[in-house]
């Protein structure tokens, strides 16, 4: 996994936690930290999380190492 993918994964996790807080407690952590949903800094964070989600979308279609590895065929 590249450095950009790791950063994107961290941002996606932050976004998921924020959405969980919104869903369960109606509390937007990003807005609370950065001055409301309409503040420039909050909008930048939301945008970065959205871009990170798009980057991580590629992970759905990337074959895992387990799938790529071929099992040795045994003959009896």
PDB file of N, CA and C in Angstrom:
ATOM      1  N   UNK A   1       0.847  -1.166   0.000  1.00  0.00           N
ATOM      2  CA  UNK A   1       0.000   0.000   0.000  1.00  0.00           C
ATOM      3  C   UNK A   1       0.900   1.239   0.000  1.00  0.00           C
ATOM      4  N   UNK A   2       0.631   2.163  -0.900  1.00  0.00           N
ATOM      5  CA  UNK A   2       1.462   3.351  -1.020  1.00  0.00           C
ATOM      6  C   UNK A   2       1.144   4.357   0.093  1.00  0.00           C
ATOM      7  N   UNK A   3       1.995   5.342   0.214  1.00  0.00           N
ATOM      8  CA  UNK A   3       1.803   6.371   1.232  1.00  0.00           C
ATOM      9  C   UNK A   3       0.513   7.146   1.027  1.00  0.00           C
ATOM     10  N   UNK A   4       0.196   7.440  -0.244  1.00  0.00           N
ATOM     11  CA  UNK A   4      -1.036   8.170  -0.533  1.00  0.00           C
ATOM     12  C   UNK A   4      -2.249   7.335  -0.136  1.00  0.00           C
ATOM     13  N   UNK A   5      -2.195   6.036  -0.404  1.00  0.00           N
ATOM     14  CA  UNK A   5      -3.313   5.170  -0.030  1.00  0.00           C
ATOM     15  C   UNK A   5      -3.471   5.091   1.484  1.00  0.00           C
ATOM     16  N   UNK A   6      -2.362   5.081   2.210  1.00  0.00           N
ATOM     17  CA  UNK A   6      -2.440   5.053   3.680  1.00  0.00           C
ATOM     18  C   UNK A   6      -3.066   6.339   4.208  1.00  0.00           C
ATOM     19  N   UNK A   7      -2.649   7.478   3.669  1.00  0.00           N
ATOM     20  CA  UNK A   7      -3.224   8.751   4.084  1.00  0.00           C
ATOM     21  C   UNK A   7      -4.711   8.782   3.750  1.00  0.00           C
ATOM     22  N   UNK A   8      -5.049   8.307   2.552  1.00  0.00           N
ATOM     23  CA  UNK A   8      -6.451   8.261   2.143  1.00  0.00           C
ATOM     24  C   UNK A   8      -7.254   7.359   3.063  1.00  0.00           C
ATOM     25  N   UNK A   9      -6.677   6.244   3.473  1.00  0.00           N
ATOM     26  CA  UNK A   9      -7.376   5.335   4.376  1.00  0.00           C
ATOM     27  C   UNK A   9      -7.618   5.997   5.731  1.00  0.00           C
ATOM     28  N   UNK A  10      -6.624   6.704   6.249  1.00  0.00           N
ATOM     29  CA  UNK A  10      -6.787   7.409   7.524  1.00  0.00           C
ATOM     30  C   UNK A  10      -7.890   8.459   7.410  1.00  0.00           C
ATOM     31  N   UNK A  11      -7.889   9.236   6.324  1.00  0.00           N
ATOM     32  CA  UNK A  11      -8.926  10.248   6.129  1.00  0.00           C
ATOM     33  C   UNK A  11     -10.309   9.615   5.985  1.00  0.00           C
ATOM     34  N   UNK A  12     -10.375   8.476   5.323  1.00  0.00           N
ATOM     35  CA  UNK A  12     -11.653   7.777   5.172  1.00  0.00           C
ATOM     36  C   UNK A  12     -12.153   7.276   6.526  1.00  0.00           C
ATOM     37  N   UNK A  13     -11.262   6.798   7.356  1.00  0.00           N
ATOM     38  CA  UNK A  13     -11.635   6.343   8.698  1.00  0.00           C
ATOM     39  C   UNK A  13     -12.133   7.526   9.528  1.00  0.00           C
ATOM     40  N   UNK A  14     -11.437   8.673   9.433  1.00  0.00           N
ATOM     41  CA  UNK A  14     -11.886   9.869  10.135  1.00  0.00           C
ATOM     42  C   UNK A  14     -13.292  10.249   9.675  1.00  0.00           C
ATOM     43  N   UNK A  15     -13.521  10.199   8.367  1.00  0.00           N
ATOM     44  CA  UNK A  15     -14.843  10.504   7.837  1.00  0.00           C
ATOM     45  C   UNK A  15     -15.903   9.529   8.333  1.00  0.00           C
ATOM     46  N   UNK A  16     -15.553   8.250   8.411  1.00  0.00           N
ATOM     47  CA  UNK A  16     -16.505   7.248   8.890  1.00  0.00           C
ATOM     48  C   UNK A  16     -16.843   7.474  10.363  1.00  0.00           C
ATOM     49  N   UNK A  17     -15.841   7.807  11.148  1.00  0.00           N
ATOM     50  CA  UNK A  17     -16.087   8.102  12.567  1.00  0.00           C
ATOM     51  C   UNK A  17     -16.983   9.331  12.687  1.00  0.00           C
ATOM     52  N   UNK A  18     -16.701  10.353  11.895  1.00  0.00           N
ATOM     53  CA  UNK A  18     -17.520  11.569  11.936  1.00  0.00           C
ATOM     54  C   UNK A  18     -18.968  11.263  11.559  1.00  0.00           C
ATOM     55  N   UNK A  19     -19.163  10.457  10.502  1.00  0.00           N
ATOM     56  CA  UNK A  19     -20.527  10.092  10.110  1.00  0.00           C
ATOM     57  C   UNK A  19     -21.211   9.256  11.183  1.00  0.00           C
ATOM     58  N   UNK A  20     -20.463   8.404  11.852  1.00  0.00           N
ATOM     59  CA  UNK A  20     -21.032   7.641  12.970  1.00  0.00           C
ATOM     60  C   UNK A  20     -21.497   8.552  14.090  1.00  0.00           C
ATOM     61  N   UNK A  21     -20.679   9.554  14.414  1.00  0.00           N
ATOM     62  CA  UNK A  21     -21.067  10.512  15.450  1.00  0.00           C
ATOM     63  C   UNK A  21     -22.302  11.309  15.039  1.00  0.00           C
ATOM     64  N   UNK A  22     -22.371  11.673  13.759  1.00  0.00           N
ATOM     65  CA  UNK A  22     -23.548  12.392  13.267  1.00  0.00           C
ATOM     66  C   UNK A  22     -24.783  11.501  13.359  1.00  0.00           C
ATOM     67  N   UNK A  23     -24.637  10.256  12.931  1.00  0.00           N
ATOM     68  CA  UNK A  23     -25.771   9.330  12.920  1.00  0.00           C
ATOM     69  C   UNK A  23     -26.290   8.978  14.298  1.00  0.00           C
ATOM     70  N   UNK A  24     -25.378   8.725  15.223  1.00  0.00           N
ATOM     71  CA  UNK A  24     -25.800   8.279  16.550  1.00  0.00           C
ATOM     72  C   UNK A  24     -26.076   9.417  17.524  1.00  0.00           C
ATOM     73  N   UNK A  25     -25.338  10.515  17.410  1.00  0.00           N
ATOM     74  CA  UNK A  25     -25.420  11.564  18.426  1.00  0.00           C
ATOM     75  C   UNK A  25     -25.735  12.950  17.861  1.00  0.00           C
ATOM     76  N   UNK A  26     -25.942  13.065  16.545  1.00  0.00           N
ATOM     77  CA  UNK A  26     -26.170  14.340  15.882  1.00  0.00           C
ATOM     78  C   UNK A  26     -25.067  15.338  16.240  1.00  0.00           C
ATOM     79  N   UNK A  27     -23.831  14.852  16.250  1.00  0.00           N
ATOM     80  CA  UNK A  27     -22.676  15.677  16.591  1.00  0.00           C
ATOM     81  C   UNK A  27     -21.652  15.589  15.473  1.00  0.00           C
ATOM     82  N   UNK A  28     -21.374  16.718  14.834  1.00  0.00           N
ATOM     83  CA  UNK A  28     -20.400  16.780  13.752  1.00  0.00           C
ATOM     84  C   UNK A  28     -19.063  17.224  14.341  1.00  0.00           C
ATOM     85  N   UNK A  29     -18.160  16.282  14.541  1.00  0.00           N
ATOM     86  CA  UNK A  29     -16.875  16.561  15.166  1.00  0.00           C
ATOM     87  C   UNK A  29     -16.028  17.513  14.333  1.00  0.00           C
ATOM     88  N   UNK A  30     -16.020  17.324  13.029  1.00  0.00           N
ATOM     89  CA  UNK A  30     -15.237  18.198  12.149  1.00  0.00           C
ATOM     90  C   UNK A  30     -15.735  19.635  12.267  1.00  0.00           C
ATOM     91  N   UNK A  31     -17.045  19.827  12.227  1.00  0.00           N
ATOM     92  CA  UNK A  31     -17.615  21.165  12.353  1.00  0.00           C
ATOM     93  C   UNK A  31     -17.311  21.758  13.725  1.00  0.00           C
ATOM     94  N   UNK A  32     -17.366  20.932  14.763  1.00  0.00           N
ATOM     95  CA  UNK A  32     -17.099  21.423  16.114  1.00  0.00           C
ATOM     96  C   UNK A  32     -15.645  21.868  16.267  1.00  0.00           C
ATOM     97  N   UNK A  33     -14.731  21.147  15.655  1.00  0.00           N
ATOM     98  CA  UNK A  33     -13.305  21.476  15.788  1.00  0.00           C
ATOM     99  C   UNK A  33     -12.935  22.669  14.914  1.00  0.00           C
ATOM    100  N   UNK A  34     -13.485  22.740  13.705  1.00  0.00           N
ATOM    101  CA  UNK A  34     -13.014  23.715  12.727  1.00  0.00           C
ATOM    102  C   UNK A  34     -13.971  24.873  12.480  1.00  0.00           C
ATOM    103  N   UNK A  35     -14.955  25.095  13.358  1.00  0.00           N
ATOM    104  CA  UNK A  35     -15.755  26.314  13.274  1.00  0.00           C
ATOM    105  C   UNK A  35     -17.045  26.233  12.492  1.00  0.00           C
ATOM    106  N   UNK A  36     -17.696  25.115  12.450  1.00  0.00           N
ATOM    107  CA  UNK A  36     -18.986  24.987  11.765  1.00  0.00           C
ATOM    108  C   UNK A  36     -18.843  24.374  10.389  1.00  0.00           C
ATOM    109  N   UNK A  37     -19.968  23.878   9.886  1.00  0.00           N
ATOM    110  CA  UNK A  37     -19.955  23.195   8.600  1.00  0.00           C
ATOM    111  C   UNK A  37     -19.631  24.120   7.441  1.00  0.00           C
ATOM    112  N   UNK A  38     -19.949  25.387   7.569  1.00  0.00           N
ATOM    113  CA  UNK A  38     -19.745  26.313   6.457  1.00  0.00           C
ATOM    114  C   UNK A  38     -18.365  26.961   6.462  1.00  0.00           C
ATOM    115  N   UNK A  39     -17.565  26.720   7.490  1.00  0.00           N
ATOM    116  CA  UNK A  39     -16.242  27.346   7.528  1.00  0.00           C
ATOM    117  C   UNK A  39     -15.346  26.753   6.443  1.00  0.00           C
ATOM    118  N   UNK A  40     -14.426  27.567   5.983  1.00  0.00           N
ATOM    119  CA  UNK A  40     -13.541  27.131   4.898  1.00  0.00           C
ATOM    120  C   UNK A  40     -12.735  25.896   5.297  1.00  0.00           C
ATOM    121  N   UNK A  41     -12.244  25.876   6.531  1.00  0.00           N
ATOM    122  CA  UNK A  41     -11.423  24.747   6.972  1.00  0.00           C
ATOM    123  C   UNK A  41     -12.240  23.454   7.035  1.00  0.00           C
ATOM    124  N   UNK A  42     -13.462  23.532   7.535  1.00  0.00           N
ATOM    125  CA  UNK A  42     -14.326  22.340   7.566  1.00  0.00           C
ATOM    126  C   UNK A  42     -14.601  21.840   6.159  1.00  0.00           C
ATOM    127  N   UNK A  43     -14.867  22.757   5.236  1.00  0.00           N
ATOM    128  CA  UNK A  43     -15.154  22.360   3.862  1.00  0.00           C
ATOM    129  C   UNK A  43     -13.937  21.716   3.216  1.00  0.00           C
ATOM    130  N   UNK A  44     -12.745  22.190   3.556  1.00  0.00           N
ATOM    131  CA  UNK A  44     -11.518  21.565   3.042  1.00  0.00           C
ATOM    132  C   UNK A  44     -11.392  20.145   3.580  1.00  0.00           C
ATOM    133  N   UNK A  45     -11.652  19.965   4.884  1.00  0.00           N
ATOM    134  CA  UNK A  45     -11.583  18.620   5.486  1.00  0.00           C
ATOM    135  C   UNK A  45     -12.601  17.705   4.825  1.00  0.00           C
ATOM    136  N   UNK A  46     -13.840  18.184   4.664  1.00  0.00           N
ATOM    137  CA  UNK A  46     -14.863  17.362   4.008  1.00  0.00           C
ATOM    138  C   UNK A  46     -14.434  16.993   2.587  1.00  0.00           C
ATOM    139  N   UNK A  47     -13.863  17.929   1.880  1.00  0.00           N
ATOM    140  CA  UNK A  47     -13.387  17.668   0.521  1.00  0.00           C
ATOM    141  C   UNK A  47     -12.273  16.644   0.487  1.00  0.00           C
ATOM    142  N   UNK A  48     -11.316  16.764   1.412  1.00  0.00           N
ATOM    143  CA  UNK A  48     -10.216  15.794   1.481  1.00  0.00           C
ATOM    144  C   UNK A  48     -10.729  14.396   1.804  1.00  0.00           C
ATOM    145  N   UNK A  49     -11.706  14.317   2.704  1.00  0.00           N
ATOM    146  CA  UNK A  49     -12.285  13.011   3.040  1.00  0.00           C
ATOM    147  C   UNK A  49     -12.990  12.422   1.818  1.00  0.00           C
ATOM    148  N   UNK A  50     -13.686  13.263   1.058  1.00  0.00           N
ATOM    149  CA  UNK A  50     -14.346  12.788  -0.159  1.00  0.00           C
ATOM    150  C   UNK A  50     -13.357  12.282  -1.196  1.00  0.00           C
ATOM    151  N   UNK A  51     -12.269  13.022  -1.396  1.00  0.00           N
ATOM    152  CA  UNK A  51     -11.224  12.590  -2.332  1.00  0.00           C
ATOM    153  C   UNK A  51     -10.592  11.290  -1.854  1.00  0.00           C
ATOM    154  N   UNK A  52     -10.375  11.190  -0.532  1.00  0.00           N
ATOM    155  CA  UNK A  52      -9.801   9.963   0.031  1.00  0.00           C
ATOM    156  C   UNK A  52     -10.709   8.768  -0.232  1.00  0.00           C
ATOM    157  N   UNK A  53     -12.002   8.979  -0.125  1.00  0.00           N
ATOM    158  CA  UNK A  53     -12.945   7.900  -0.432  1.00  0.00           C
ATOM    159  C   UNK A  53     -12.835   7.446  -1.871  1.00  0.00           C
ATOM    160  N   UNK A  54     -12.671   8.390  -2.780  1.00  0.00           N
ATOM    161  CA  UNK A  54     -12.513   8.037  -4.198  1.00  0.00           C
ATOM    162  C   UNK A  54     -11.213   7.279  -4.435  1.00  0.00           C
ATOM    163  N   UNK A  55     -10.149   7.689  -3.758  1.00  0.00           N
ATOM    164  CA  UNK A  55      -8.873   6.973  -3.887  1.00  0.00           C
ATOM    165  C   UNK A  55      -9.024   5.543  -3.374  1.00  0.00           C
ATOM    166  N   UNK A  56      -9.704   5.399  -2.245  1.00  0.00           N
ATOM    167  CA  UNK A  56      -9.875   4.063  -1.665  1.00  0.00           C
ATOM    168  C   UNK A  56     -10.843   3.202  -2.453  1.00  0.00           C
ATOM    169  N   UNK A  57     -11.653   3.820  -3.295  1.00  0.00           N
ATOM    170  CA  UNK A  57     -12.548   3.049  -4.153  1.00  0.00           C
ATOM    171  C   UNK A  57     -11.754   2.077  -5.024  1.00  0.00           C
ATOM    172  N   UNK A  58     -10.552   2.468  -5.413  1.00  0.00           N
ATOM    173  CA  UNK A  58      -9.694   1.592  -6.210  1.00  0.00           C
ATOM    174  C   UNK A  58      -9.298   0.318  -5.478  1.00  0.00           C
ATOM    175  N   UNK A  59      -9.308   0.351  -4.149  1.00  0.00           N
ATOM    176  CA  UNK A  59      -8.952  -0.848  -3.380  1.00  0.00           C
ATOM    177  C   UNK A  59      -9.979  -1.964  -3.567  1.00  0.00           C
ATOM    178  N   UNK A  60     -11.212  -1.598  -3.915  1.00  0.00           N
ATOM    179  CA  UNK A  60     -12.234  -2.622  -4.140  1.00  0.00           C
ATOM    180  C   UNK A  60     -11.900  -3.515  -5.327  1.00  0.00           C
ATOM    181  N   UNK A  61     -11.217  -2.930  -6.291  1.00  0.00           N
ATOM    182  CA  UNK A  61     -10.948  -3.660  -7.530  1.00  0.00           C
ATOM    183  C   UNK A  61      -9.521  -4.184  -7.617  1.00  0.00           C
ATOM    184  N   UNK A  62      -8.729  -3.939  -6.583  1.00  0.00           N
ATOM    185  CA  UNK A  62      -7.353  -4.415  -6.570  1.00  0.00           C
ATOM    186  C   UNK A  62      -7.339  -5.828  -5.989  1.00  0.00           C
ATOM    187  N   UNK A  63      -6.809  -6.776  -6.725  1.00  0.00           N
ATOM    188  CA  UNK A  63      -6.796  -8.144  -6.192  1.00  0.00           C
ATOM    189  C   UNK A  63      -5.889  -8.249  -4.975  1.00  0.00           C
ATOM    190  N   UNK A  64      -6.329  -9.016  -4.023  1.00  0.00           N
ATOM    191  CA  UNK A  64      -5.516  -9.199  -2.828  1.00  0.00           C
ATOM    192  C   UNK A  64      -4.402 -10.211  -3.100  1.00  0.00           C
ATOM    193  N   UNK A  65      -3.410 -10.213  -2.234  1.00  0.00           N
ATOM    194  CA  UNK A  65      -2.278 -11.132  -2.395  1.00  0.00           C
ATOM    195  C   UNK A  65      -2.741 -12.580  -2.314  1.00  0.00           C
ATOM    196  N   UNK A  66      -3.773 -12.831  -1.503  1.00  0.00           N
ATOM    197  CA  UNK A  66      -4.267 -14.198  -1.358  1.00  0.00           C
ATOM    198  C   UNK A  66      -4.911 -14.686  -2.652  1.00  0.00           C
ATOM    199  N   UNK A  67      -5.586 -13.798  -3.360  1.00  0.00           N
ATOM    200  CA  UNK A  67      -6.231 -14.184  -4.606  1.00  0.00           C
ATOM    201  C   UNK A  67      -5.184 -14.412  -5.684  1.00  0.00           C
ATOM    202  N   UNK A  68      -4.156 -13.563  -5.715  1.00  0.00           N
ATOM    203  CA  UNK A  68      -3.115 -13.675  -6.737  1.00  0.00           C
ATOM    204  C   UNK A  68      -2.280 -14.940  -6.569  1.00  0.00           C
ATOM    205  N   UNK A  69      -2.069 -15.347  -5.325  1.00  0.00           N
ATOM    206  CA  UNK A  69      -1.229 -16.509  -5.069  1.00  0.00           C
ATOM    207  C   UNK A  69      -1.949 -17.762  -5.554  1.00  0.00           C
ATOM    208  N   UNK A  70      -1.282 -18.534  -6.342  1.00  0.00           N
ATOM    209  CA  UNK A  70      -1.894 -19.756  -6.848  1.00  0.00           C
ATOM    210  C   UNK A  70      -1.539 -20.897  -5.898  1.00  0.00           C
ATOM    211  N   UNK A  71      -2.512 -21.673  -5.632  1.00  0.00           N
ATOM    212  CA  UNK A  71      -2.308 -22.821  -4.750  1.00  0.00           C
ATOM    213  C   UNK A  71      -1.630 -23.930  -5.548  1.00  0.00           C
ATOM    214  N   UNK A  72      -0.673 -24.585  -4.949  1.00  0.00           N
ATOM    215  CA  UNK A  72      -0.041 -25.716  -5.659  1.00  0.00           C
ATOM    216  C   UNK A  72      -1.037 -26.849  -5.831  1.00  0.00           C
ATOM    217  N   UNK A  73      -1.033 -27.423  -7.005  1.00  0.00           N
ATOM    218  CA  UNK A  73      -1.949 -28.521  -7.285  1.00  0.00           C
ATOM    219  C   UNK A  73      -1.294 -29.821  -6.809  1.00  0.00           C
ATOM    220  N   UNK A  74      -2.060 -30.548  -6.082  1.00  0.00           N
ATOM    221  CA  UNK A  74      -1.543 -31.839  -5.598  1.00  0.00           C
ATOM    222  C   UNK A  74      -2.152 -32.941  -6.423  1.00  0.00           C
ATOM    223  N   UNK A  75      -1.358 -33.908  -6.732  1.00  0.00           N
ATOM    224  CA  UNK A  75      -1.859 -35.069  -7.458  1.00  0.00           C
ATOM    225  C   UNK A  75      -1.719 -36.287  -6.550  1.00  0.00           C
ATOM    226  N   UNK A  76      -2.702 -37.105  -6.615  1.00  0.00           N
ATOM    227  CA  UNK A  76      -2.683 -38.318  -5.752  1.00  0.00           C
ATOM    228  C   UNK A  76      -2.393 -39.532  -6.554  1.00  0.00           C
TER     229      UNK A  76
END
